[in-house]
Amino acid sequence: MRLSTNKIVKNTRGFTLIELMVVIVILGILAGLIVPRIMGRPEEAKQLKAKLTIESLVTSLRLYKLDNGDYPTTEQGLTSLISPPDTGNVSNSFREGGYIEKGKMPKDPWDNEFVYLSPGVHGDYDIISYGSDGVPGGEGKDKDINSWEIE
């Protein structure tokens, strides 16, 4: 028996209009349920971002201490993570390029500078973001984010 190679069955059927409409309706329902949940929590997202940034600064401070023997003082500030400090006890072991990627000091999500104290009240150093209101204290969206409270 010989098979015919001239008969190739092509099934090039695409999606029907009904199938496309069903998919669009399903996507619309999902968007209607999920988007309000995400959009209703911008302050929680900013607080989480502040915590993550503080954790990143803590890591950079630890690297600084490994190279230089101690944390920068309050006077030297967090800018010591970008360039060698001008004041106080300056070490020759400062890492080329600094301890923060991109060489720019991050701000908190509310566009405020982080407060840095060394020695700190709660440890070797304290890093604080005063939240959305920019002043110490507060609750809810105005709550301070503190390095010693981050787990």
C-alpha atoms as a PDB file:
ATOM      1  CA  MET A   1       0.000   0.000   0.000  1.00  0.00           C
ATOM      2  CA  ARG A   2       1.110   3.397  -0.820  1.00  0.00           C
ATOM      3  CA  LEU A   3       0.386   6.452   1.308  1.00  0.00           C
ATOM      4  CA  SER A   4      -0.512   9.564  -0.460  1.00  0.00           C
ATOM      5  CA  THR A   5       1.604  12.583   0.505  1.00  0.00           C
ATOM      6  CA  ASN A   6      -0.647  14.922  -1.415  1.00  0.00           C
ATOM      7  CA  LYS A   7      -3.374  14.825   1.210  1.00  0.00           C
ATOM      8  CA  ILE A   8      -2.269  16.932   4.150  1.00  0.00           C
ATOM      9  CA  VAL A   9      -5.055  17.834   6.440  1.00  0.00           C
ATOM     10  CA  LYS A  10      -4.679  21.318   7.797  1.00  0.00           C
ATOM     11  CA  ASN A  11      -6.701  22.294  10.761  1.00  0.00           C
ATOM     12  CA  THR A  12      -6.000  26.010  10.995  1.00  0.00           C
ATOM     13  CA  ARG A  13      -9.021  26.856  13.025  1.00  0.00           C
ATOM     14  CA  GLY A  14      -8.430  29.803  15.410  1.00  0.00           C
ATOM     15  CA  PHE A  15     -10.338  31.016  18.423  1.00  0.00           C
ATOM     16  CA  THR A  16     -13.947  31.946  17.980  1.00  0.00           C
ATOM     17  CA  LEU A  17     -15.344  35.271  19.053  1.00  0.00           C
ATOM     18  CA  ILE A  18     -17.223  33.558  21.906  1.00  0.00           C
ATOM     19  CA  GLU A  19     -14.032  31.953  23.245  1.00  0.00           C
ATOM     20  CA  LEU A  20     -12.225  35.294  23.190  1.00  0.00           C
ATOM     21  CA  MET A  21     -15.128  36.993  24.959  1.00  0.00           C
ATOM     22  CA  VAL A  22     -15.122  34.331  27.708  1.00  0.00           C
ATOM     23  CA  VAL A  23     -11.391  34.855  28.305  1.00  0.00           C
ATOM     24  CA  ILE A  24     -11.826  38.642  28.426  1.00  0.00           C
ATOM     25  CA  VAL A  25     -14.697  38.339  30.914  1.00  0.00           C
ATOM     26  CA  ILE A  26     -12.660  35.995  33.137  1.00  0.00           C
ATOM     27  CA  LEU A  27      -9.682  38.392  33.079  1.00  0.00           C
ATOM     28  CA  GLY A  28     -11.998  41.280  33.899  1.00  0.00           C
ATOM     29  CA  ILE A  29     -13.432  39.423  36.903  1.00  0.00           C
ATOM     30  CA  LEU A  30      -9.951  38.552  38.174  1.00  0.00           C
ATOM     31  CA  ALA A  31      -8.774  42.147  37.748  1.00  0.00           C
ATOM     32  CA  GLY A  32     -11.857  43.373  39.583  1.00  0.00           C
ATOM     33  CA  LEU A  33     -11.078  41.140  42.549  1.00  0.00           C
ATOM     34  CA  ILE A  34      -7.289  41.480  42.756  1.00  0.00           C
ATOM     35  CA  VAL A  35      -6.536  45.093  41.838  1.00  0.00           C
ATOM     36  CA  PRO A  36      -8.562  46.673  44.690  1.00  0.00           C
ATOM     37  CA  ARG A  37      -6.712  44.502  47.206  1.00  0.00           C
ATOM     38  CA  ILE A  38      -3.325  45.588  45.912  1.00  0.00           C
ATOM     39  CA  MET A  39      -4.240  49.227  45.402  1.00  0.00           C
ATOM     40  CA  GLY A  40      -5.820  49.557  48.841  1.00  0.00           C
ATOM     41  CA  ARG A  41      -2.524  48.954  50.657  1.00  0.00           C
ATOM     42  CA  PRO A  42       0.012  51.522  49.468  1.00  0.00           C
ATOM     43  CA  GLU A  43       1.027  52.513  53.011  1.00  0.00           C
ATOM     44  CA  GLU A  44       1.702  48.912  53.975  1.00  0.00           C
ATOM     45  CA  ALA A  45       3.852  48.555  50.862  1.00  0.00           C
ATOM     46  CA  LYS A  46       5.811  51.698  51.789  1.00  0.00           C
ATOM     47  CA  GLN A  47       6.365  50.425  55.335  1.00  0.00           C
ATOM     48  CA  LEU A  48       7.638  47.120  53.955  1.00  0.00           C
ATOM     49  CA  LYS A  49       9.965  48.955  51.573  1.00  0.00           C
ATOM     50  CA  ALA A  50      11.318  51.022  54.493  1.00  0.00           C
ATOM     51  CA  LYS A  51      12.021  47.813  56.451  1.00  0.00           C
ATOM     52  CA  LEU A  52      13.811  46.259  53.482  1.00  0.00           C
ATOM     53  CA  THR A  53      15.903  49.376  52.952  1.00  0.00           C
ATOM     54  CA  ILE A  54      16.858  49.444  56.639  1.00  0.00           C
ATOM     55  CA  GLU A  55      17.864  45.772  56.412  1.00  0.00           C
ATOM     56  CA  SER A  56      20.046  46.646  53.427  1.00  0.00           C
ATOM     57  CA  LEU A  57      21.658  49.498  55.377  1.00  0.00           C
ATOM     58  CA  VAL A  58      22.289  47.122  58.312  1.00  0.00           C
ATOM     59  CA  THR A  59      24.099  44.727  55.969  1.00  0.00           C
ATOM     60  CA  SER A  60      26.176  47.596  54.577  1.00  0.00           C
ATOM     61  CA  LEU A  61      27.033  48.740  58.112  1.00  0.00           C
ATOM     62  CA  ARG A  62      28.214  45.238  59.017  1.00  0.00           C
ATOM     63  CA  LEU A  63      30.475  45.160  55.968  1.00  0.00           C
ATOM     64  CA  TYR A  64      31.791  48.604  56.913  1.00  0.00           C
ATOM     65  CA  LYS A  65      32.604  47.367  60.414  1.00  0.00           C
ATOM     66  CA  LEU A  66      34.407  44.295  59.052  1.00  0.00           C
ATOM     67  CA  ASP A  67      36.676  46.504  56.948  1.00  0.00           C
ATOM     68  CA  ASN A  68      37.106  49.441  59.323  1.00  0.00           C
ATOM     69  CA  GLY A  69      36.833  47.927  62.801  1.00  0.00           C
ATOM     70  CA  ASP A  70      33.828  49.941  63.989  1.00  0.00           C
ATOM     71  CA  TYR A  71      30.567  51.484  62.833  1.00  0.00           C
ATOM     72  CA  PRO A  72      30.509  55.093  61.623  1.00  0.00           C
ATOM     73  CA  THR A  73      29.630  57.571  64.369  1.00  0.00           C
ATOM     74  CA  THR A  74      26.464  59.658  64.336  1.00  0.00           C
ATOM     75  CA  GLU A  75      28.568  62.607  63.214  1.00  0.00           C
ATOM     76  CA  GLN A  76      30.049  60.624  60.319  1.00  0.00           C
ATOM     77  CA  GLY A  77      26.565  59.382  59.396  1.00  0.00           C
ATOM     78  CA  LEU A  78      25.343  56.887  56.840  1.00  0.00           C
ATOM     79  CA  THR A  79      27.127  58.783  54.072  1.00  0.00           C
ATOM     80  CA  SER A  80      30.229  56.982  55.373  1.00  0.00           C
ATOM     81  CA  LEU A  81      28.863  53.974  53.519  1.00  0.00           C
ATOM     82  CA  ILE A  82      29.334  55.820  50.222  1.00  0.00           C
ATOM     83  CA  SER A  83      32.603  57.689  50.748  1.00  0.00           C
ATOM     84  CA  PRO A  84      35.252  57.657  53.486  1.00  0.00           C
ATOM     85  CA  PRO A  85      34.287  59.881  56.412  1.00  0.00           C
ATOM     86  CA  ASP A  86      36.000  63.257  56.757  1.00  0.00           C
ATOM     87  CA  THR A  87      35.807  63.405  60.551  1.00  0.00           C
ATOM     88  CA  GLY A  88      36.546  61.149  63.491  1.00  0.00           C
ATOM     89  CA  ASN A  89      38.505  57.917  63.358  1.00  0.00           C
ATOM     90  CA  VAL A  90      39.134  57.278  59.669  1.00  0.00           C
ATOM     91  CA  SER A  91      40.480  53.885  58.570  1.00  0.00           C
ATOM     92  CA  ASN A  92      42.607  53.155  55.519  1.00  0.00           C
ATOM     93  CA  SER A  93      40.573  50.008  54.823  1.00  0.00           C
ATOM     94  CA  PHE A  94      37.587  51.718  53.188  1.00  0.00           C
ATOM     95  CA  ARG A  95      36.277  49.598  50.323  1.00  0.00           C
ATOM     96  CA  GLU A  96      36.706  51.102  46.876  1.00  0.00           C
ATOM     97  CA  GLY A  97      33.268  51.993  45.559  1.00  0.00           C
ATOM     98  CA  GLY A  98      31.759  52.126  49.040  1.00  0.00           C
ATOM     99  CA  TYR A  99      29.293  49.790  50.690  1.00  0.00           C
ATOM    100  CA  ILE A 100      26.077  50.780  48.909  1.00  0.00           C
ATOM    101  CA  GLU A 101      25.316  49.855  45.321  1.00  0.00           C
ATOM    102  CA  LYS A 102      25.091  52.711  42.837  1.00  0.00           C
ATOM    103  CA  GLY A 103      26.866  55.009  45.314  1.00  0.00           C
ATOM    104  CA  LYS A 104      23.707  56.847  46.288  1.00  0.00           C
ATOM    105  CA  MET A 105      22.236  57.029  49.768  1.00  0.00           C
ATOM    106  CA  PRO A 106      18.682  55.658  49.739  1.00  0.00           C
ATOM    107  CA  LYS A 107      15.835  57.650  51.228  1.00  0.00           C
ATOM    108  CA  ASP A 108      12.802  56.188  52.901  1.00  0.00           C
ATOM    109  CA  PRO A 109       9.644  55.656  50.795  1.00  0.00           C
ATOM    110  CA  TRP A 110       8.324  59.052  51.930  1.00  0.00           C
ATOM    111  CA  ASP A 111      11.434  60.753  50.493  1.00  0.00           C
ATOM    112  CA  ASN A 112      12.957  61.510  53.913  1.00  0.00           C
ATOM    113  CA  GLU A 113      16.481  60.778  55.116  1.00  0.00           C
ATOM    114  CA  PHE A 114      16.940  57.862  57.503  1.00  0.00           C
ATOM    115  CA  VAL A 115      17.969  58.869  61.019  1.00  0.00           C
ATOM    116  CA  TYR A 116      21.211  57.204  62.144  1.00  0.00           C
ATOM    117  CA  LEU A 117      22.534  57.104  65.700  1.00  0.00           C
ATOM    118  CA  SER A 118      25.797  55.445  66.707  1.00  0.00           C
ATOM    119  CA  PRO A 119      26.148  54.445  69.406  1.00  0.00           C
ATOM    120  CA  GLY A 120      22.450  53.809  69.424  1.00  0.00           C
ATOM    121  CA  VAL A 121      19.960  53.706  72.251  1.00  0.00           C
ATOM    122  CA  HIS A 122      18.990  50.111  71.394  1.00  0.00           C
ATOM    123  CA  GLY A 123      22.337  48.704  70.256  1.00  0.00           C
ATOM    124  CA  ASP A 124      25.540  49.617  68.475  1.00  0.00           C
ATOM    125  CA  TYR A 125      23.494  51.786  66.128  1.00  0.00           C
ATOM    126  CA  ASP A 126      19.889  52.746  65.454  1.00  0.00           C
ATOM    127  CA  ILE A 127      18.367  53.427  62.043  1.00  0.00           C
ATOM    128  CA  ILE A 128      14.953  55.080  61.999  1.00  0.00           C
ATOM    129  CA  SER A 129      12.399  56.129  59.416  1.00  0.00           C
ATOM    130  CA  TYR A 130       9.766  58.425  60.902  1.00  0.00           C
ATOM    131  CA  GLY A 131       7.049  57.158  58.562  1.00  0.00           C
ATOM    132  CA  SER A 132       4.697  59.152  56.392  1.00  0.00           C
ATOM    133  CA  ASP A 133       4.441  62.148  58.741  1.00  0.00           C
ATOM    134  CA  GLY A 134       8.221  62.544  59.091  1.00  0.00           C
ATOM    135  CA  VAL A 135       8.093  63.137  62.864  1.00  0.00           C
ATOM    136  CA  PRO A 136       8.928  60.785  65.757  1.00  0.00           C
ATOM    137  CA  GLY A 137       6.110  58.592  67.035  1.00  0.00           C
ATOM    138  CA  GLY A 138       2.816  57.759  65.456  1.00  0.00           C
ATOM    139  CA  GLU A 139       0.665  54.790  64.637  1.00  0.00           C
ATOM    140  CA  GLY A 140      -0.822  53.243  61.520  1.00  0.00           C
ATOM    141  CA  LYS A 141       0.548  54.911  58.392  1.00  0.00           C
ATOM    142  CA  ASP A 142       2.550  57.359  60.538  1.00  0.00           C
ATOM    143  CA  LYS A 143       4.288  54.562  62.471  1.00  0.00           C
ATOM    144  CA  ASP A 144       8.072  54.810  62.812  1.00  0.00           C
ATOM    145  CA  ILE A 145      10.137  52.009  61.287  1.00  0.00           C
ATOM    146  CA  ASN A 146      13.048  51.141  63.589  1.00  0.00           C
ATOM    147  CA  SER A 147      16.043  48.893  62.936  1.00  0.00           C
ATOM    148  CA  TRP A 148      15.805  47.227  66.342  1.00  0.00           C
ATOM    149  CA  GLU A 149      12.205  46.140  65.718  1.00  0.00           C
ATOM    150  CA  ILE A 150      12.855  44.436  62.387  1.00  0.00           C
ATOM    151  CA  GLU A 151      13.070  40.665  62.649  1.00  0.00           C
END
